N, C-alpha and C. Protein backbone atom coordinates (compact mmCIF):
# COMPACT_ATOMS: atom_id res chain seq x y z
N MET A 1 21.50 3.13 17.22
CA MET A 1 20.64 2.77 16.08
C MET A 1 21.33 3.23 14.80
N SER A 2 21.40 2.31 13.88
CA SER A 2 21.99 2.58 12.59
C SER A 2 20.92 2.49 11.46
N ARG A 3 21.14 3.18 10.35
CA ARG A 3 20.20 3.11 9.30
C ARG A 3 20.99 3.11 7.94
N LYS A 4 20.58 2.27 7.07
CA LYS A 4 21.23 2.15 5.76
C LYS A 4 20.25 2.54 4.72
N VAL A 5 20.63 3.37 3.75
CA VAL A 5 19.73 3.69 2.64
C VAL A 5 19.55 2.58 1.69
N LEU A 6 18.33 2.10 1.53
CA LEU A 6 18.05 1.11 0.56
C LEU A 6 17.62 1.61 -0.83
N LEU A 7 16.85 2.75 -0.80
CA LEU A 7 16.46 3.47 -2.00
C LEU A 7 16.55 4.93 -1.82
N ASN A 8 17.05 5.65 -2.79
CA ASN A 8 17.05 7.09 -2.72
C ASN A 8 15.90 7.69 -3.56
N ALA A 9 15.76 8.95 -3.61
CA ALA A 9 14.66 9.58 -4.34
C ALA A 9 14.51 9.18 -5.81
N LYS A 10 15.64 9.20 -6.50
CA LYS A 10 15.62 8.78 -7.92
C LYS A 10 15.17 7.33 -8.15
N GLU A 11 15.70 6.43 -7.30
CA GLU A 11 15.24 5.04 -7.40
C GLU A 11 13.81 4.85 -7.07
N ILE A 12 13.31 5.60 -6.10
CA ILE A 12 11.89 5.54 -5.72
C ILE A 12 11.03 6.04 -6.90
N ASP A 13 11.49 7.11 -7.58
CA ASP A 13 10.74 7.60 -8.72
C ASP A 13 10.63 6.60 -9.83
N ILE A 14 11.71 5.95 -10.07
CA ILE A 14 11.76 4.88 -11.19
C ILE A 14 10.84 3.72 -10.78
N ILE A 15 10.80 3.32 -9.58
CA ILE A 15 9.96 2.25 -9.09
C ILE A 15 8.45 2.66 -9.22
N LEU A 16 8.15 3.88 -8.80
CA LEU A 16 6.74 4.36 -8.83
C LEU A 16 6.26 4.35 -10.29
N HIS A 17 7.05 4.85 -11.29
CA HIS A 17 6.70 4.81 -12.65
C HIS A 17 6.55 3.41 -13.20
N ARG A 18 7.44 2.48 -12.75
CA ARG A 18 7.29 1.03 -13.22
C ARG A 18 6.00 0.45 -12.70
N LEU A 19 5.68 0.72 -11.42
CA LEU A 19 4.45 0.23 -10.85
C LEU A 19 3.20 0.76 -11.60
N ALA A 20 3.18 2.04 -11.91
CA ALA A 20 2.10 2.69 -12.64
C ALA A 20 1.93 2.10 -13.99
N CYS A 21 3.06 1.87 -14.69
CA CYS A 21 3.02 1.22 -15.95
C CYS A 21 2.46 -0.24 -15.89
N GLN A 22 2.86 -0.98 -14.92
CA GLN A 22 2.29 -2.31 -14.74
C GLN A 22 0.78 -2.28 -14.59
N LEU A 23 0.33 -1.31 -13.81
CA LEU A 23 -1.14 -1.21 -13.56
C LEU A 23 -1.84 -0.90 -14.90
N VAL A 24 -1.32 0.00 -15.70
CA VAL A 24 -1.89 0.33 -16.97
C VAL A 24 -1.91 -0.86 -17.89
N GLU A 25 -0.81 -1.53 -17.95
CA GLU A 25 -0.72 -2.78 -18.81
C GLU A 25 -1.80 -3.77 -18.44
N LYS A 26 -2.15 -3.92 -17.22
CA LYS A 26 -3.14 -4.87 -16.85
C LYS A 26 -4.61 -4.39 -16.78
N HIS A 27 -4.78 -3.05 -16.43
CA HIS A 27 -6.12 -2.54 -16.18
C HIS A 27 -6.58 -1.53 -17.26
N THR A 28 -5.68 -1.15 -18.18
CA THR A 28 -5.91 -0.28 -19.32
C THR A 28 -6.63 1.03 -18.97
N ASP A 29 -7.95 1.07 -18.98
CA ASP A 29 -8.69 2.33 -18.75
C ASP A 29 -9.25 2.39 -17.34
N PHE A 30 -9.10 1.44 -16.49
CA PHE A 30 -9.54 1.37 -15.10
C PHE A 30 -11.13 1.55 -14.97
N GLN A 31 -11.81 1.19 -15.98
CA GLN A 31 -13.27 1.27 -15.89
C GLN A 31 -13.90 0.42 -14.85
N SER A 32 -13.34 -0.77 -14.61
CA SER A 32 -13.88 -1.68 -13.61
C SER A 32 -12.88 -1.93 -12.54
N THR A 33 -11.95 -0.98 -12.32
CA THR A 33 -10.87 -1.16 -11.32
C THR A 33 -10.90 0.05 -10.41
N VAL A 34 -10.72 -0.17 -9.09
CA VAL A 34 -10.69 0.89 -8.11
C VAL A 34 -9.32 0.73 -7.35
N LEU A 35 -8.77 1.87 -6.93
CA LEU A 35 -7.52 1.88 -6.14
C LEU A 35 -7.80 2.30 -4.75
N ILE A 36 -7.28 1.54 -3.81
CA ILE A 36 -7.55 1.82 -2.37
C ILE A 36 -6.25 1.79 -1.60
N GLY A 37 -5.87 2.98 -1.11
CA GLY A 37 -4.67 3.17 -0.23
C GLY A 37 -5.09 2.64 1.16
N ILE A 38 -4.19 1.86 1.81
CA ILE A 38 -4.45 1.38 3.15
C ILE A 38 -3.86 2.46 4.11
N GLN A 39 -4.67 2.93 5.01
CA GLN A 39 -4.26 3.93 5.99
C GLN A 39 -3.34 3.31 7.01
N PRO A 40 -2.40 4.03 7.53
CA PRO A 40 -2.08 5.40 7.14
C PRO A 40 -1.09 5.50 6.04
N ARG A 41 -0.01 4.65 5.99
CA ARG A 41 1.12 4.92 5.18
C ARG A 41 0.91 4.53 3.71
N GLY A 42 0.03 3.67 3.43
CA GLY A 42 -0.25 3.23 2.04
C GLY A 42 -0.88 4.34 1.24
N VAL A 43 -1.46 5.30 1.89
CA VAL A 43 -2.11 6.43 1.22
C VAL A 43 -1.05 7.35 0.54
N PHE A 44 0.09 7.56 1.16
CA PHE A 44 1.14 8.34 0.58
C PHE A 44 1.57 7.68 -0.78
N LEU A 45 1.79 6.36 -0.78
CA LEU A 45 2.15 5.68 -1.99
C LEU A 45 1.01 5.68 -3.02
N ALA A 46 -0.18 5.49 -2.53
CA ALA A 46 -1.38 5.53 -3.45
C ALA A 46 -1.51 6.90 -4.12
N ASN A 47 -1.33 7.94 -3.38
CA ASN A 47 -1.42 9.26 -3.98
C ASN A 47 -0.42 9.54 -5.06
N ARG A 48 0.73 9.00 -4.79
CA ARG A 48 1.87 9.11 -5.86
C ARG A 48 1.48 8.32 -7.14
N ILE A 49 1.00 7.11 -6.92
CA ILE A 49 0.60 6.24 -8.10
C ILE A 49 -0.55 6.95 -8.88
N VAL A 50 -1.54 7.44 -8.15
CA VAL A 50 -2.68 8.07 -8.81
C VAL A 50 -2.21 9.28 -9.59
N LYS A 51 -1.30 10.08 -9.03
CA LYS A 51 -0.78 11.28 -9.68
C LYS A 51 -0.13 10.89 -10.98
N ILE A 52 0.69 9.85 -11.01
CA ILE A 52 1.36 9.37 -12.22
C ILE A 52 0.33 8.88 -13.23
N LEU A 53 -0.65 8.17 -12.78
CA LEU A 53 -1.67 7.63 -13.77
C LEU A 53 -2.43 8.81 -14.37
N LYS A 54 -2.73 9.83 -13.62
CA LYS A 54 -3.46 10.98 -14.15
C LYS A 54 -2.56 11.83 -15.05
N GLU A 55 -1.44 12.16 -14.65
CA GLU A 55 -0.56 13.07 -15.33
C GLU A 55 0.14 12.45 -16.61
N GLU A 56 0.58 11.26 -16.48
CA GLU A 56 1.35 10.67 -17.51
C GLU A 56 0.56 9.73 -18.45
N TYR A 57 -0.55 9.18 -17.93
CA TYR A 57 -1.36 8.28 -18.68
C TYR A 57 -2.76 8.87 -19.02
N GLN A 58 -2.93 10.10 -18.60
CA GLN A 58 -4.21 10.87 -18.78
C GLN A 58 -5.46 10.02 -18.40
N LEU A 59 -5.34 9.26 -17.30
CA LEU A 59 -6.49 8.61 -16.76
C LEU A 59 -7.22 9.46 -15.73
N GLU A 60 -8.32 10.10 -16.15
CA GLU A 60 -9.00 11.05 -15.33
C GLU A 60 -10.01 10.52 -14.36
N ASN A 61 -10.68 9.46 -14.80
CA ASN A 61 -11.85 8.96 -14.01
C ASN A 61 -11.47 7.79 -13.10
N LEU A 62 -10.35 7.95 -12.43
CA LEU A 62 -9.91 6.93 -11.48
C LEU A 62 -10.76 6.94 -10.20
N ASN A 63 -11.18 5.79 -9.78
CA ASN A 63 -11.80 5.68 -8.45
C ASN A 63 -10.69 5.35 -7.43
N PHE A 64 -10.49 6.33 -6.57
CA PHE A 64 -9.40 6.18 -5.56
C PHE A 64 -9.96 6.47 -4.21
N GLY A 65 -9.69 5.54 -3.26
CA GLY A 65 -10.17 5.71 -1.89
C GLY A 65 -9.10 5.39 -0.87
N GLN A 66 -9.55 5.56 0.35
CA GLN A 66 -8.64 5.32 1.51
C GLN A 66 -9.36 4.40 2.47
N LEU A 67 -8.68 3.34 2.96
CA LEU A 67 -9.32 2.38 3.81
C LEU A 67 -8.59 2.34 5.16
N ASP A 68 -9.28 2.62 6.28
CA ASP A 68 -8.76 2.46 7.61
C ASP A 68 -9.04 1.07 8.09
N ILE A 69 -7.97 0.35 8.60
CA ILE A 69 -8.11 -1.05 9.02
C ILE A 69 -8.01 -1.22 10.58
N THR A 70 -7.94 -0.03 11.26
CA THR A 70 -7.59 -0.13 12.68
C THR A 70 -8.43 -1.09 13.45
N PHE A 71 -9.73 -1.14 13.31
CA PHE A 71 -10.57 -1.96 14.14
C PHE A 71 -10.82 -3.34 13.55
N TYR A 72 -10.11 -3.63 12.45
CA TYR A 72 -10.20 -4.95 11.80
C TYR A 72 -8.94 -5.75 12.14
N ARG A 73 -7.97 -5.04 12.73
CA ARG A 73 -6.64 -5.70 13.02
C ARG A 73 -6.85 -6.71 14.14
N ASP A 74 -6.11 -7.83 14.09
CA ASP A 74 -6.22 -8.88 15.19
C ASP A 74 -5.49 -8.46 16.41
N ASP A 75 -4.72 -7.40 16.36
CA ASP A 75 -4.03 -6.95 17.60
C ASP A 75 -4.50 -5.59 18.12
N PHE A 76 -5.71 -5.11 17.66
CA PHE A 76 -6.10 -3.74 18.10
C PHE A 76 -6.39 -3.55 19.56
N ARG A 77 -6.68 -4.65 20.24
CA ARG A 77 -6.95 -4.58 21.71
C ARG A 77 -5.79 -5.00 22.60
N ARG A 78 -4.71 -5.29 21.96
CA ARG A 78 -3.52 -5.84 22.70
C ARG A 78 -2.60 -4.78 23.19
N GLY A 79 -2.63 -3.56 22.66
CA GLY A 79 -1.66 -2.54 23.05
C GLY A 79 -2.04 -1.92 24.37
N GLU A 80 -1.07 -1.17 24.96
CA GLU A 80 -1.29 -0.54 26.24
C GLU A 80 -2.14 0.72 26.05
N LYS A 81 -1.94 1.43 24.93
CA LYS A 81 -2.73 2.64 24.64
C LYS A 81 -3.71 2.40 23.58
N PRO A 82 -4.81 3.05 23.62
CA PRO A 82 -5.85 2.83 22.59
C PRO A 82 -5.33 3.29 21.24
N LEU A 83 -5.75 2.60 20.18
CA LEU A 83 -5.34 2.97 18.81
C LEU A 83 -6.27 4.09 18.36
N GLU A 84 -5.67 4.96 17.50
CA GLU A 84 -6.45 6.03 16.91
C GLU A 84 -6.79 5.67 15.45
N ALA A 85 -8.01 5.76 15.10
CA ALA A 85 -8.41 5.42 13.79
C ALA A 85 -8.10 6.49 12.79
N ASN A 86 -7.91 6.14 11.56
CA ASN A 86 -7.73 7.14 10.47
C ASN A 86 -9.02 7.19 9.67
N LYS A 87 -9.01 7.99 8.66
CA LYS A 87 -10.23 8.19 7.88
C LYS A 87 -10.37 7.12 6.83
N THR A 88 -11.56 6.62 6.59
CA THR A 88 -11.94 5.82 5.46
C THR A 88 -12.65 6.71 4.50
N ARG A 89 -12.25 6.76 3.27
CA ARG A 89 -12.98 7.46 2.26
C ARG A 89 -13.08 6.64 1.00
N ILE A 90 -14.28 6.03 0.90
CA ILE A 90 -14.54 5.22 -0.31
C ILE A 90 -15.94 5.73 -0.79
N ASP A 91 -15.88 6.58 -1.76
CA ASP A 91 -17.20 7.19 -2.26
C ASP A 91 -17.55 6.60 -3.67
N PHE A 92 -17.37 5.27 -3.75
CA PHE A 92 -17.72 4.56 -5.01
C PHE A 92 -18.10 3.18 -4.63
N ILE A 93 -18.70 2.45 -5.54
CA ILE A 93 -19.09 1.06 -5.33
C ILE A 93 -17.92 0.16 -5.58
N VAL A 94 -17.71 -0.77 -4.63
CA VAL A 94 -16.67 -1.80 -4.91
C VAL A 94 -17.31 -3.08 -5.34
N GLU A 95 -18.63 -3.24 -5.25
CA GLU A 95 -19.32 -4.41 -5.65
C GLU A 95 -19.01 -4.79 -7.13
N ASP A 96 -18.46 -5.99 -7.29
CA ASP A 96 -18.12 -6.53 -8.64
C ASP A 96 -17.07 -5.72 -9.35
N LYS A 97 -16.23 -5.02 -8.64
CA LYS A 97 -15.03 -4.27 -9.22
C LYS A 97 -13.79 -5.02 -8.93
N ARG A 98 -12.76 -4.64 -9.65
CA ARG A 98 -11.43 -5.14 -9.34
C ARG A 98 -10.86 -4.08 -8.34
N VAL A 99 -10.46 -4.51 -7.18
CA VAL A 99 -9.94 -3.62 -6.13
C VAL A 99 -8.41 -3.88 -6.13
N ILE A 100 -7.63 -2.76 -6.11
CA ILE A 100 -6.17 -2.87 -5.93
C ILE A 100 -5.88 -2.18 -4.58
N PHE A 101 -5.46 -2.98 -3.54
CA PHE A 101 -4.99 -2.41 -2.38
C PHE A 101 -3.57 -1.98 -2.58
N ILE A 102 -3.26 -0.78 -1.97
CA ILE A 102 -1.96 -0.20 -2.09
C ILE A 102 -1.38 0.10 -0.70
N ASP A 103 -0.24 -0.47 -0.39
CA ASP A 103 0.44 -0.30 0.95
C ASP A 103 1.88 -0.17 0.76
N ASP A 104 2.51 0.49 1.72
CA ASP A 104 4.02 0.80 1.54
C ASP A 104 4.86 -0.45 1.85
N VAL A 105 4.61 -1.17 2.97
CA VAL A 105 5.48 -2.28 3.30
C VAL A 105 4.52 -3.50 3.59
N LEU A 106 4.82 -4.58 2.89
CA LEU A 106 4.17 -5.87 3.19
C LEU A 106 5.14 -6.66 4.14
N TYR A 107 4.70 -6.76 5.36
CA TYR A 107 5.56 -7.46 6.36
C TYR A 107 4.97 -8.78 6.74
N THR A 108 4.14 -8.78 7.75
CA THR A 108 3.58 -10.10 8.24
C THR A 108 2.35 -10.49 7.40
N GLY A 109 1.69 -9.60 6.76
CA GLY A 109 0.47 -9.89 6.02
C GLY A 109 -0.80 -9.58 6.82
N ARG A 110 -0.62 -9.28 8.08
CA ARG A 110 -1.78 -9.04 8.97
C ARG A 110 -2.54 -7.77 8.55
N SER A 111 -1.94 -6.76 8.13
CA SER A 111 -2.62 -5.60 7.74
C SER A 111 -3.44 -5.82 6.52
N ILE A 112 -3.03 -6.62 5.59
CA ILE A 112 -3.71 -7.00 4.42
C ILE A 112 -4.90 -7.86 4.71
N ARG A 113 -4.69 -8.81 5.67
CA ARG A 113 -5.83 -9.63 6.15
C ARG A 113 -6.92 -8.72 6.71
N ALA A 114 -6.53 -7.72 7.51
CA ALA A 114 -7.51 -6.73 8.06
C ALA A 114 -8.19 -5.99 6.87
N ALA A 115 -7.47 -5.59 5.91
CA ALA A 115 -8.07 -4.86 4.76
C ALA A 115 -9.03 -5.76 4.00
N LEU A 116 -8.74 -7.03 3.91
CA LEU A 116 -9.67 -7.97 3.22
C LEU A 116 -10.97 -8.06 3.95
N THR A 117 -10.89 -8.05 5.26
CA THR A 117 -12.11 -8.05 6.06
C THR A 117 -12.82 -6.76 6.06
N ALA A 118 -12.08 -5.65 6.08
CA ALA A 118 -12.75 -4.32 6.10
C ALA A 118 -13.41 -4.01 4.80
N ILE A 119 -12.89 -4.38 3.68
CA ILE A 119 -13.45 -4.00 2.39
C ILE A 119 -14.83 -4.66 2.20
N GLN A 120 -15.08 -5.75 2.87
CA GLN A 120 -16.37 -6.45 2.82
C GLN A 120 -17.56 -5.61 3.22
N SER A 121 -17.26 -4.57 4.09
CA SER A 121 -18.29 -3.63 4.57
C SER A 121 -18.80 -2.79 3.36
N PHE A 122 -18.05 -2.71 2.25
CA PHE A 122 -18.39 -1.82 1.19
C PHE A 122 -18.91 -2.65 -0.03
N GLY A 123 -19.05 -3.90 0.14
CA GLY A 123 -19.59 -4.77 -1.03
C GLY A 123 -18.55 -5.91 -1.24
N ARG A 124 -18.95 -6.69 -2.30
CA ARG A 124 -18.13 -7.85 -2.57
C ARG A 124 -17.41 -7.58 -3.91
N PRO A 125 -16.12 -7.30 -3.85
CA PRO A 125 -15.30 -7.09 -5.06
C PRO A 125 -15.27 -8.38 -5.95
N LYS A 126 -15.09 -8.14 -7.21
CA LYS A 126 -14.94 -9.25 -8.15
C LYS A 126 -13.59 -9.91 -7.97
N GLU A 127 -12.53 -9.03 -7.67
CA GLU A 127 -11.16 -9.49 -7.55
C GLU A 127 -10.40 -8.46 -6.69
N ILE A 128 -9.51 -8.95 -5.94
CA ILE A 128 -8.58 -8.07 -5.17
C ILE A 128 -7.13 -8.35 -5.47
N GLU A 129 -6.46 -7.31 -5.72
CA GLU A 129 -4.98 -7.41 -5.97
C GLU A 129 -4.25 -6.59 -4.93
N LEU A 130 -2.98 -6.80 -4.85
CA LEU A 130 -2.12 -6.04 -3.82
C LEU A 130 -0.88 -5.49 -4.50
N LEU A 131 -0.76 -4.20 -4.31
CA LEU A 131 0.48 -3.49 -4.77
C LEU A 131 1.20 -3.02 -3.44
N SER A 132 2.42 -3.54 -3.27
CA SER A 132 3.24 -3.12 -2.14
C SER A 132 4.54 -2.49 -2.70
N PHE A 133 4.97 -1.48 -2.01
CA PHE A 133 6.20 -0.79 -2.37
C PHE A 133 7.46 -1.62 -1.99
N ILE A 134 7.37 -2.11 -0.79
CA ILE A 134 8.45 -3.00 -0.18
C ILE A 134 7.82 -4.28 0.26
N ASP A 135 8.44 -5.37 -0.17
CA ASP A 135 7.95 -6.70 0.30
C ASP A 135 9.09 -7.32 1.16
N ARG A 136 8.80 -7.43 2.44
CA ARG A 136 9.67 -8.20 3.43
C ARG A 136 9.35 -9.59 3.34
N ARG A 137 9.76 -10.32 2.29
CA ARG A 137 9.27 -11.64 1.93
C ARG A 137 9.50 -12.69 2.90
N PHE A 138 10.49 -12.65 3.78
CA PHE A 138 10.77 -13.69 4.74
C PHE A 138 10.21 -13.46 6.12
N SER A 139 9.26 -12.52 6.19
CA SER A 139 8.71 -12.13 7.51
C SER A 139 7.20 -12.46 7.60
N ARG A 140 6.67 -13.13 6.56
CA ARG A 140 5.20 -13.33 6.51
C ARG A 140 4.69 -14.27 7.56
N HIS A 141 3.60 -13.95 8.14
CA HIS A 141 2.88 -14.80 9.08
C HIS A 141 1.64 -15.48 8.42
N LEU A 142 1.17 -14.85 7.32
CA LEU A 142 0.06 -15.29 6.54
C LEU A 142 0.40 -15.48 5.09
N PRO A 143 -0.27 -16.40 4.41
CA PRO A 143 0.06 -16.64 3.00
C PRO A 143 -0.46 -15.59 2.04
N ILE A 144 0.10 -14.40 2.13
CA ILE A 144 -0.27 -13.21 1.32
C ILE A 144 0.91 -12.76 0.57
N GLN A 145 0.75 -12.58 -0.77
CA GLN A 145 1.84 -12.14 -1.60
C GLN A 145 1.40 -10.97 -2.50
N PRO A 146 2.25 -10.04 -2.85
CA PRO A 146 1.86 -8.91 -3.67
C PRO A 146 1.70 -9.35 -5.15
N ASP A 147 0.84 -8.63 -5.85
CA ASP A 147 0.69 -8.86 -7.32
C ASP A 147 1.61 -7.85 -8.03
N TYR A 148 1.87 -6.73 -7.41
CA TYR A 148 2.78 -5.70 -7.91
C TYR A 148 3.72 -5.39 -6.77
N ASN A 149 5.01 -5.35 -7.07
CA ASN A 149 5.98 -5.19 -6.01
C ASN A 149 7.06 -4.29 -6.45
N GLY A 150 7.35 -3.28 -5.62
CA GLY A 150 8.38 -2.34 -5.91
C GLY A 150 9.74 -2.91 -5.69
N ARG A 151 9.98 -3.44 -4.56
CA ARG A 151 11.30 -4.01 -4.22
C ARG A 151 11.19 -5.04 -3.09
N GLN A 152 11.91 -6.14 -3.19
CA GLN A 152 12.00 -7.13 -2.17
C GLN A 152 13.15 -6.79 -1.21
N VAL A 153 12.91 -6.87 0.06
CA VAL A 153 13.91 -6.58 1.05
C VAL A 153 14.02 -7.75 1.98
N ASP A 154 15.18 -8.31 2.12
CA ASP A 154 15.43 -9.37 3.10
C ASP A 154 15.99 -8.82 4.34
N ALA A 155 15.15 -8.72 5.39
CA ALA A 155 15.60 -8.17 6.70
C ALA A 155 15.25 -9.12 7.81
N ILE A 156 16.16 -9.13 8.79
CA ILE A 156 15.89 -9.98 9.87
C ILE A 156 14.83 -9.34 10.72
N ASN A 157 14.19 -10.03 11.64
CA ASN A 157 13.07 -9.48 12.46
C ASN A 157 13.37 -8.26 13.31
N GLU A 158 14.63 -8.09 13.77
CA GLU A 158 14.94 -6.95 14.57
C GLU A 158 15.15 -5.74 13.70
N GLU A 159 15.31 -5.88 12.39
CA GLU A 159 15.50 -4.74 11.48
C GLU A 159 14.11 -4.19 11.02
N LYS A 160 14.05 -2.92 10.82
CA LYS A 160 12.79 -2.31 10.37
C LYS A 160 13.03 -1.59 9.01
N VAL A 161 12.06 -1.71 8.14
CA VAL A 161 12.15 -1.01 6.87
C VAL A 161 11.33 0.27 7.06
N LYS A 162 11.91 1.43 6.87
CA LYS A 162 11.26 2.69 7.00
C LYS A 162 11.18 3.40 5.66
N VAL A 163 9.92 3.57 5.24
CA VAL A 163 9.68 4.24 3.97
C VAL A 163 9.34 5.72 4.26
N CYS A 164 10.09 6.61 3.78
CA CYS A 164 9.87 8.08 3.99
C CYS A 164 9.33 8.71 2.71
N TRP A 165 8.30 9.53 2.80
CA TRP A 165 7.79 10.29 1.68
C TRP A 165 7.89 11.74 1.95
N VAL A 166 8.24 12.50 0.91
CA VAL A 166 8.53 13.89 1.02
C VAL A 166 7.30 14.62 1.61
N GLU A 167 6.08 14.10 1.38
CA GLU A 167 4.93 14.76 1.87
C GLU A 167 4.78 14.59 3.43
N ASN A 168 5.42 13.60 3.99
CA ASN A 168 5.24 13.27 5.37
C ASN A 168 6.54 13.52 6.21
N GLU A 169 7.61 13.00 5.67
CA GLU A 169 8.93 13.12 6.38
C GLU A 169 9.90 14.11 5.74
N GLY A 170 9.54 14.74 4.65
CA GLY A 170 10.37 15.72 4.07
C GLY A 170 11.36 15.22 3.03
N GLU A 171 11.40 13.88 2.82
CA GLU A 171 12.35 13.26 1.81
C GLU A 171 11.74 11.97 1.29
N ASP A 172 12.14 11.69 0.14
CA ASP A 172 11.82 10.36 -0.46
C ASP A 172 13.01 9.42 -0.27
N ALA A 173 12.82 8.44 0.59
CA ALA A 173 13.98 7.48 0.83
C ALA A 173 13.35 6.22 1.54
N VAL A 174 14.08 5.09 1.41
CA VAL A 174 13.75 3.91 2.13
C VAL A 174 14.98 3.51 2.87
N TYR A 175 14.80 3.30 4.20
CA TYR A 175 15.98 2.97 5.09
C TYR A 175 15.75 1.52 5.69
N LEU A 176 16.87 0.85 5.91
CA LEU A 176 16.81 -0.31 6.73
C LEU A 176 17.42 0.15 8.14
N VAL A 177 16.61 0.10 9.16
CA VAL A 177 16.97 0.55 10.47
C VAL A 177 17.20 -0.65 11.37
N SER A 178 18.34 -0.62 12.04
CA SER A 178 18.65 -1.64 13.02
C SER A 178 19.00 -1.04 14.36
N LYS A 179 18.61 -1.77 15.45
CA LYS A 179 18.86 -1.24 16.74
C LYS A 179 20.25 -1.40 17.27
């Protein structure tokens, strides 16, 4: 198995700040906007974005939650072992709000489809946007595109994009892994 570095820690930091800036440009004070990290890996990205928004843009009253999509996935009964759910934490109203889903890798689009279904349990948002750190644009199974995109990666199906966060894997890096 080989792995190639696509992004190092410095490049990741630059992209995170650019994404945060784009969110501020569009949503200004976030009064009618909520941020939702998609469990499990989108939460690491979402935490980083929220930290930048609070520390560098002094946005204190951000509504930030975490959404588990395990039982909304179209493949959750297909595996050999049972899936383990993550925590959902949404302690605010999404009804009539602008929701920004945050996930690390947009691949087939199926996770986002599951998130679109799952969020309906919390109300009917006014609008939903998608922020993805890595967009594997040629691998989509569903017509889903990000509104905010860190980097596009063209990888063949056997290749995997691995996003590592210092909080989870001990380093900030993005790798292209091939068998």
